[in-house]
C-alpha atoms as a PDB file:
ATOM      1  CA  MET A   1      21.416 -10.452 -20.778  1.00  0.00           C
ATOM      2  CA  LYS A   2      19.681 -12.605 -23.393  1.00  0.00           C
ATOM      3  CA  ALA A   3      16.617 -11.508 -25.327  1.00  0.00           C
ATOM      4  CA  ARG A   4      14.525 -14.476 -24.187  1.00  0.00           C
ATOM      5  CA  GLN A   5      15.079 -13.497 -20.554  1.00  0.00           C
ATOM      6  CA  VAL A   6      13.852  -9.979 -21.266  1.00  0.00           C
ATOM      7  CA  ILE A   7      10.817 -11.361 -23.123  1.00  0.00           C
ATOM      8  CA  PHE A   8      10.037 -13.630 -20.159  1.00  0.00           C
ATOM      9  CA  ILE A   9      10.066 -10.651 -17.748  1.00  0.00           C
ATOM     10  CA  ILE A  10       7.789  -8.634 -20.025  1.00  0.00           C
ATOM     11  CA  LEU A  11       5.330 -11.488 -20.547  1.00  0.00           C
ATOM     12  CA  ALA A  12       5.258 -12.296 -16.823  1.00  0.00           C
ATOM     13  CA  VAL A  13       4.371  -8.702 -15.908  1.00  0.00           C
ATOM     14  CA  ILE A  14       1.738  -8.417 -18.644  1.00  0.00           C
ATOM     15  CA  PHE A  15       0.155 -11.761 -17.731  1.00  0.00           C
ATOM     16  CA  ALA A  16      -0.067 -10.880 -14.037  1.00  0.00           C
ATOM     17  CA  ASP A  17      -1.353  -7.387 -14.812  1.00  0.00           C
ATOM     18  CA  GLN A  18      -4.012  -8.478 -17.287  1.00  0.00           C
ATOM     19  CA  ALA A  19      -5.092 -11.510 -15.266  1.00  0.00           C
ATOM     20  CA  LEU A  20      -5.804  -9.344 -12.221  1.00  0.00           C
ATOM     21  CA  LYS A  21      -7.545  -6.701 -14.331  1.00  0.00           C
ATOM     22  CA  PHE A  22      -9.773  -9.310 -15.978  1.00  0.00           C
ATOM     23  CA  TYR A  23     -10.633 -10.780 -12.575  1.00  0.00           C
ATOM     24  CA  ILE A  24     -11.572  -7.364 -11.196  1.00  0.00           C
ATOM     25  CA  LYS A  25     -13.621  -6.406 -14.254  1.00  0.00           C
ATOM     26  CA  LEU A  26     -15.566  -9.674 -14.240  1.00  0.00           C
ATOM     27  CA  HIS A  27     -16.156  -9.936 -10.474  1.00  0.00           C
ATOM     28  CA  TYR A  28     -16.280  -6.358  -9.084  1.00  0.00           C
ATOM     29  CA  PHE A  29     -18.618  -3.491  -9.869  1.00  0.00           C
ATOM     30  CA  ALA A  30     -17.090  -0.029 -10.180  1.00  0.00           C
ATOM     31  CA  GLY A  31     -16.255   1.290  -6.730  1.00  0.00           C
ATOM     32  CA  GLU A  32     -16.455  -2.102  -4.996  1.00  0.00           C
ATOM     33  CA  GLU A  33     -13.831  -2.707  -2.331  1.00  0.00           C
ATOM     34  CA  HIS A  34     -12.723  -5.695  -0.261  1.00  0.00           C
ATOM     35  CA  ASN A  35     -10.034  -6.078   2.372  1.00  0.00           C
ATOM     36  CA  VAL A  36      -7.213  -8.474   1.542  1.00  0.00           C
ATOM     37  CA  LEU A  37      -4.855  -8.076   4.506  1.00  0.00           C
ATOM     38  CA  GLY A  38      -6.559  -6.200   7.283  1.00  0.00           C
ATOM     39  CA  ASN A  39      -7.433  -2.590   6.479  1.00  0.00           C
ATOM     40  CA  TRP A  40      -4.082  -1.644   4.974  1.00  0.00           C
ATOM     41  CA  PHE A  41      -4.287  -3.729   1.769  1.00  0.00           C
ATOM     42  CA  ARG A  42      -7.526  -3.667  -0.201  1.00  0.00           C
ATOM     43  CA  LEU A  43      -8.793  -4.375  -3.691  1.00  0.00           C
ATOM     44  CA  HIS A  44     -10.690  -1.283  -4.749  1.00  0.00           C
ATOM     45  CA  PHE A  45     -11.995  -1.241  -8.324  1.00  0.00           C
ATOM     46  CA  VAL A  46     -11.676   2.092 -10.094  1.00  0.00           C
ATOM     47  CA  GLU A  47     -11.217   3.033 -13.728  1.00  0.00           C
ATOM     48  CA  ASN A  48      -9.388   6.074 -14.996  1.00  0.00           C
ATOM     49  CA  GLU A  49      -9.142   7.692 -18.389  1.00  0.00           C
ATOM     50  CA  GLY A  50      -5.750   9.200 -17.826  1.00  0.00           C
ATOM     51  CA  MET A  51      -2.223   8.380 -16.843  1.00  0.00           C
ATOM     52  CA  ALA A  52      -0.764   6.122 -14.187  1.00  0.00           C
ATOM     53  CA  TRP A  53      -1.955   6.515 -10.587  1.00  0.00           C
ATOM     54  CA  GLY A  54      -5.255   8.012 -11.774  1.00  0.00           C
ATOM     55  CA  TRP A  55      -3.898  11.295 -13.183  1.00  0.00           C
ATOM     56  CA  LYS A  56      -6.067  12.727 -15.942  1.00  0.00           C
ATOM     57  CA  PHE A  57      -5.180  14.537 -19.125  1.00  0.00           C
ATOM     58  CA  GLY A  58      -7.582  16.686 -21.144  1.00  0.00           C
ATOM     59  CA  GLY A  59     -10.899  14.922 -21.798  1.00  0.00           C
ATOM     60  CA  ASP A  60     -11.618  12.923 -24.975  1.00  0.00           C
ATOM     61  CA  PHE A  61      -8.870  14.568 -27.000  1.00  0.00           C
ATOM     62  CA  GLY A  62      -6.418  14.029 -24.169  1.00  0.00           C
ATOM     63  CA  LYS A  63      -7.494  10.390 -23.941  1.00  0.00           C
ATOM     64  CA  ILE A  64      -6.759   9.741 -27.618  1.00  0.00           C
ATOM     65  CA  ALA A  65      -3.500  11.697 -27.411  1.00  0.00           C
ATOM     66  CA  LEU A  66      -2.410   9.737 -24.348  1.00  0.00           C
ATOM     67  CA  THR A  67      -3.263   6.387 -25.955  1.00  0.00           C
ATOM     68  CA  LEU A  68      -1.340   7.336 -29.118  1.00  0.00           C
ATOM     69  CA  PHE A  69       1.576   8.483 -26.979  1.00  0.00           C
ATOM     70  CA  ARG A  70       1.584   5.123 -25.183  1.00  0.00           C
ATOM     71  CA  LEU A  71       1.472   3.310 -28.529  1.00  0.00           C
ATOM     72  CA  VAL A  72       4.419   5.297 -29.920  1.00  0.00           C
ATOM     73  CA  ALA A  73       6.338   4.851 -26.668  1.00  0.00           C
ATOM     74  CA  VAL A  74       5.857   1.077 -26.738  1.00  0.00           C
ATOM     75  CA  ILE A  75       6.951   0.835 -30.384  1.00  0.00           C
ATOM     76  CA  TRP A  76       9.984   3.026 -29.702  1.00  0.00           C
ATOM     77  CA  GLY A  77      10.702   1.067 -26.531  1.00  0.00           C
ATOM     78  CA  SER A  78      10.851  -2.163 -28.522  1.00  0.00           C
ATOM     79  CA  PHE A  79      13.758  -0.825 -30.563  1.00  0.00           C
ATOM     80  CA  LEU A  80      15.423   0.621 -27.466  1.00  0.00           C
ATOM     81  CA  LEU A  81      15.285  -2.690 -25.620  1.00  0.00           C
ATOM     82  CA  ARG A  82      16.775  -4.488 -28.590  1.00  0.00           C
ATOM     83  CA  ASP A  83      19.548  -1.891 -28.718  1.00  0.00           C
ATOM     84  CA  PHE A  84      20.243  -2.239 -24.968  1.00  0.00           C
ATOM     85  CA  ILE A  85      20.589  -6.006 -25.355  1.00  0.00           C
ATOM     86  CA  ARG A  86      22.887  -5.713 -28.365  1.00  0.00           C
ATOM     87  CA  LYS A  87      25.084  -3.184 -26.568  1.00  0.00           C
ATOM     88  CA  LYS A  88      25.234  -5.529 -23.577  1.00  0.00           C
ATOM     89  CA  MET A  89      24.137  -2.944 -21.044  1.00  0.00           C
ATOM     90  CA  THR A  90      24.195  -3.995 -17.407  1.00  0.00           C
ATOM     91  CA  LYS A  91      21.678  -6.652 -16.409  1.00  0.00           C
ATOM     92  CA  GLY A  92      20.059  -4.428 -13.794  1.00  0.00           C
ATOM     93  CA  PHE A  93      19.504  -1.626 -16.293  1.00  0.00           C
ATOM     94  CA  ILE A  94      17.925  -3.968 -18.858  1.00  0.00           C
ATOM     95  CA  VAL A  95      15.620  -5.465 -16.220  1.00  0.00           C
ATOM     96  CA  CYS A  96      14.457  -1.963 -15.233  1.00  0.00           C
ATOM     97  CA  ALA A  97      13.903  -1.051 -18.878  1.00  0.00           C
ATOM     98  CA  ALA A  98      11.904  -4.253 -19.374  1.00  0.00           C
ATOM     99  CA  LEU A  99       9.704  -3.437 -16.354  1.00  0.00           C
ATOM    100  CA  ILE A 100       8.981   0.051 -17.671  1.00  0.00           C
ATOM    101  CA  TYR A 101       8.215  -1.336 -21.123  1.00  0.00           C
ATOM    102  CA  ALA A 102       5.927  -4.051 -19.737  1.00  0.00           C
ATOM    103  CA  GLY A 103       4.057  -1.543 -17.577  1.00  0.00           C
ATOM    104  CA  ALA A 104       3.503   0.805 -20.498  1.00  0.00           C
ATOM    105  CA  LEU A 105       2.291  -2.075 -22.664  1.00  0.00           C
ATOM    106  CA  GLY A 106      -0.025  -3.339 -19.934  1.00  0.00           C
ATOM    107  CA  ASN A 107      -1.835   0.005 -19.623  1.00  0.00           C
ATOM    108  CA  LEU A 108      -1.836   0.422 -23.409  1.00  0.00           C
ATOM    109  CA  ILE A 109      -3.847  -2.799 -23.738  1.00  0.00           C
ATOM    110  CA  ASP A 110      -6.521  -1.289 -21.464  1.00  0.00           C
ATOM    111  CA  SER A 111      -6.639   1.953 -23.443  1.00  0.00           C
ATOM    112  CA  LEU A 112      -6.808   0.232 -26.806  1.00  0.00           C
ATOM    113  CA  PHE A 113      -9.181  -2.669 -26.247  1.00  0.00           C
ATOM    114  CA  TYR A 114     -11.080  -2.577 -22.946  1.00  0.00           C
ATOM    115  CA  GLY A 115     -13.697  -0.191 -24.315  1.00  0.00           C
ATOM    116  CA  ILE A 116     -14.729  -2.683 -26.996  1.00  0.00           C
ATOM    117  CA  ILE A 117     -14.405  -5.977 -25.092  1.00  0.00           C
ATOM    118  CA  PHE A 118     -16.191  -4.974 -21.854  1.00  0.00           C
ATOM    119  CA  ASP A 119     -19.491  -3.254 -21.203  1.00  0.00           C
ATOM    120  CA  TYR A 120     -20.005  -0.495 -18.656  1.00  0.00           C
ATOM    121  CA  SER A 121     -19.953  -1.224 -14.940  1.00  0.00           C
ATOM    122  CA  ASN A 122     -22.352   1.152 -13.220  1.00  0.00           C
ATOM    123  CA  PRO A 123     -21.514   1.885  -9.564  1.00  0.00           C
ATOM    124  CA  TYR A 124     -25.152   2.850  -8.873  1.00  0.00           C
ATOM    125  CA  THR A 125     -26.777  -0.334 -10.189  1.00  0.00           C
ATOM    126  CA  GLN A 126     -23.692  -2.291  -9.049  1.00  0.00           C
ATOM    127  CA  ASN A 127     -23.618  -4.386 -12.198  1.00  0.00           C
ATOM    128  CA  VAL A 128     -20.464  -6.350 -13.039  1.00  0.00           C
ATOM    129  CA  ALA A 129     -19.092  -5.856 -16.544  1.00  0.00           C
ATOM    130  CA  GLN A 130     -19.489  -8.625 -19.118  1.00  0.00           C
ATOM    131  CA  PHE A 131     -16.777  -9.817 -21.484  1.00  0.00           C
ATOM    132  CA  LEU A 132     -17.586  -9.371 -25.199  1.00  0.00           C
ATOM    133  CA  PRO A 133     -21.209  -8.277 -24.574  1.00  0.00           C
ATOM    134  CA  GLN A 134     -23.735  -8.689 -27.407  1.00  0.00           C
ATOM    135  CA  THR A 135     -24.731  -5.032 -27.112  1.00  0.00           C
ATOM    136  CA  GLY A 136     -21.131  -3.908 -27.609  1.00  0.00           C
ATOM    137  CA  GLY A 137     -18.566  -2.363 -25.337  1.00  0.00           C
ATOM    138  CA  TYR A 138     -18.735   0.868 -23.378  1.00  0.00           C
ATOM    139  CA  ALA A 139     -16.404   2.794 -25.721  1.00  0.00           C
ATOM    140  CA  SER A 140     -14.663   2.684 -29.074  1.00  0.00           C
ATOM    141  CA  LEU A 141     -11.115   1.676 -29.897  1.00  0.00           C
ATOM    142  CA  PHE A 142      -8.494   3.905 -28.214  1.00  0.00           C
ATOM    143  CA  HIS A 143     -11.033   5.062 -25.598  1.00  0.00           C
ATOM    144  CA  GLY A 144     -10.764   2.257 -23.048  1.00  0.00           C
ATOM    145  CA  LYS A 145     -10.288   3.060 -19.377  1.00  0.00           C
ATOM    146  CA  VAL A 146      -7.332   1.793 -17.367  1.00  0.00           C
ATOM    147  CA  VAL A 147      -8.325  -0.581 -14.574  1.00  0.00           C
ATOM    148  CA  ASP A 148      -6.845   0.082 -11.121  1.00  0.00           C
ATOM    149  CA  MET A 149      -7.400  -1.954  -7.980  1.00  0.00           C
ATOM    150  CA  LEU A 150      -4.390  -2.035  -5.605  1.00  0.00           C
ATOM    151  CA  TYR A 151      -5.035   0.173  -2.601  1.00  0.00           C
ATOM    152  CA  PHE A 152      -2.742   0.479   0.430  1.00  0.00           C
ATOM    153  CA  PRO A 153      -4.216   2.926   2.969  1.00  0.00           C
ATOM    154  CA  ILE A 154      -1.546   2.258   5.592  1.00  0.00           C
ATOM    155  CA  ILE A 155      -2.350   5.404   7.596  1.00  0.00           C
ATOM    156  CA  THR A 156      -5.993   6.525   7.782  1.00  0.00           C
ATOM    157  CA  ASN A 157      -8.159   8.813   9.897  1.00  0.00           C
ATOM    158  CA  ALA A 158      -5.163  11.051  10.585  1.00  0.00           C
ATOM    159  CA  HIS A 159      -4.902  14.836  10.251  1.00  0.00           C
ATOM    160  CA  TYR A 160      -2.186  17.268   9.336  1.00  0.00           C
ATOM    161  CA  PRO A 161      -0.918  19.348  12.280  1.00  0.00           C
ATOM    162  CA  SER A 162      -2.681  22.688  12.525  1.00  0.00           C
ATOM    163  CA  TRP A 163       0.568  24.594  11.957  1.00  0.00           C
ATOM    164  CA  VAL A 164       1.137  23.088   8.463  1.00  0.00           C
ATOM    165  CA  PRO A 165       0.436  25.797   5.844  1.00  0.00           C
ATOM    166  CA  PHE A 166      -2.632  25.382   3.562  1.00  0.00           C
ATOM    167  CA  VAL A 167      -3.510  21.828   4.735  1.00  0.00           C
ATOM    168  CA  GLY A 168      -3.358  22.243   8.517  1.00  0.00           C
ATOM    169  CA  GLY A 169      -6.147  20.251  10.150  1.00  0.00           C
ATOM    170  CA  ASP A 170      -7.141  18.489   6.911  1.00  0.00           C
ATOM    171  CA  GLU A 171      -7.533  14.727   6.792  1.00  0.00           C
ATOM    172  CA  PHE A 172      -4.361  12.812   5.965  1.00  0.00           C
ATOM    173  CA  GLU A 173      -4.095   9.376   4.420  1.00  0.00           C
ATOM    174  CA  PHE A 174      -1.066   7.356   3.371  1.00  0.00           C
ATOM    175  CA  PHE A 175      -1.059   5.712   0.830  1.00  0.00           C
ATOM    176  CA  ARG A 176      -4.026   7.207  -1.100  1.00  0.00           C
ATOM    177  CA  PRO A 177      -3.510   6.386  -4.834  1.00  0.00           C
ATOM    178  CA  VAL A 178      -5.131   3.283  -6.328  1.00  0.00           C
ATOM    179  CA  PHE A 179      -2.918   1.632  -8.925  1.00  0.00           C
ATOM    180  CA  ASN A 180      -2.306  -1.590 -10.845  1.00  0.00           C
ATOM    181  CA  ILE A 181       0.563  -4.001 -11.496  1.00  0.00           C
ATOM    182  CA  ALA A 182       1.560  -2.124 -14.668  1.00  0.00           C
ATOM    183  CA  ASP A 183       1.902   1.128 -12.681  1.00  0.00           C
ATOM    184  CA  ALA A 184       3.958  -0.699 -10.061  1.00  0.00           C
ATOM    185  CA  ALA A 185       6.278  -2.122 -12.740  1.00  0.00           C
ATOM    186  CA  ILE A 186       6.862   1.328 -14.242  1.00  0.00           C
ATOM    187  CA  SER A 187       7.513   2.926 -10.858  1.00  0.00           C
ATOM    188  CA  THR A 188       9.833   0.111  -9.772  1.00  0.00           C
ATOM    189  CA  GLY A 189      11.861   0.391 -12.970  1.00  0.00           C
ATOM    190  CA  VAL A 190      12.174   4.185 -12.822  1.00  0.00           C
ATOM    191  CA  ILE A 191      12.993   4.389  -9.103  1.00  0.00           C
ATOM    192  CA  THR A 192      15.554   1.584  -9.319  1.00  0.00           C
ATOM    193  CA  MET A 193      17.239   3.303 -12.268  1.00  0.00           C
ATOM    194  CA  LEU A 194      17.484   6.543 -10.311  1.00  0.00           C
ATOM    195  CA  VAL A 195      18.807   4.897  -7.163  1.00  0.00           C
ATOM    196  CA  PHE A 196      21.388   2.709  -8.905  1.00  0.00           C
ATOM    197  CA  GLN A 197      22.231   4.943 -11.855  1.00  0.00           C
ATOM    198  CA  ASN A 198      25.903   5.140 -10.884  1.00  0.00           C
ATOM    199  CA  ALA A 199      26.188   1.352 -10.973  1.00  0.00           C
ATOM    200  CA  PHE A 200      24.159   1.010 -14.182  1.00  0.00           C
ATOM    201  CA  PHE A 201      26.049   3.649 -16.146  1.00  0.00           C
ATOM    202  CA  LYS A 202      29.514   3.252 -14.702  1.00  0.00           C
ATOM    203  CA  HIS A 203      32.184   2.885 -17.341  1.00  0.00           C
ATOM    204  CA  GLU A 204      35.459   1.487 -16.238  1.00  0.00           C
ATOM    205  CA  GLN A 205      38.319   3.564 -17.480  1.00  0.00           C
ATOM    206  CA  LYS A 206      41.350   1.438 -18.044  1.00  0.00           C
ATOM    207  CA  SER A 207      44.614   3.272 -18.166  1.00  0.00           C
ATOM    208  CA  GLU A 208      47.117   1.831 -20.608  1.00  0.00           C
ATOM    209  CA  HIS A 209      50.797   1.980 -19.915  1.00  0.00           C
ATOM    210  CA  HIS A 210      53.121   1.950 -22.915  1.00  0.00           C
ATOM    211  CA  THR A 211      56.773   0.976 -22.795  1.00  0.00           C
ATOM    212  CA  VAL A 212      59.015   3.027 -25.030  1.00  0.00           C
ATOM    213  CA  GLU A 213      61.952   1.176 -26.459  1.00  0.00           C
ATOM    214  CA  THR A 214      64.927   3.244 -27.593  1.00  0.00           C
ATOM    215  CA  ASN A 215      68.600   2.836 -28.143  1.00  0.00           C
ATOM    216  CA  THR A 216      69.352   6.302 -26.874  1.00  0.00           C
ATOM    217  CA  LEU A 217      71.782   6.392 -23.997  1.00  0.00           C
ATOM    218  CA  VAL A 218      70.179   7.960 -20.981  1.00  0.00           C
ATOM    219  CA  ASN A 219      72.466  10.279 -19.064  1.00  0.00           C
ATOM    220  CA  ASP A 220      72.462  13.770 -17.660  1.00  0.00           C
ATOM    221  CA  LYS A 221      72.192  15.253 -21.148  1.00  0.00           C
ATOM    222  CA  ASN A 222      69.782  12.808 -22.760  1.00  0.00           C
ATOM    223  CA  GLN A 223      66.495  11.749 -21.080  1.00  0.00           C
ATOM    224  CA  VAL A 224      63.536   9.892 -22.397  1.00  0.00           C
ATOM    225  CA  PHE A 225      60.151  11.203 -21.390  1.00  0.00           C
END
């Protein structure tokens, strides 16, 4: 697979991810939700300070650590992708690696810059964030929040059976997490790698047969092995 094809995949994911995030930031207040396709696909604007799918990690220190980890991972991933291309790994594997890389880079952009290029969107006053506000952003460099908006509550208003341990009778919803395009790219790449790992990492073993030439007379006493 050629490098320009990999770059195109990465840029396409990042453009789609950032375009949707910018739209949400500039048109939705925090917590705002609108149906897209019935009740099962909604745009629900939330921001998180942690990892993908809204997972959190250790307050302000954890936020900086996570942003630095993303930055190191993206830099390291750049060299890995180049190595995969040079080694001519399977096309499917490189595409998955490119999706994971693009997703990590997409969320890194939020963490690095969104705090300084957007102001705060207050869910109580329902104000929509402004781009490059004169009063400054809502946070410093490395402290931006990741924007999530894709919400697919396919099953709602359901309850676990009473016999289920610990959660019996509790409300059940599928699919609860709110995520973004970058998260989806990472998950798609990882899951596809796991499902098709045998195809991606299969090495054909070619057996070589050698013909031995000899002038030795083969009979009951002399045999060539």
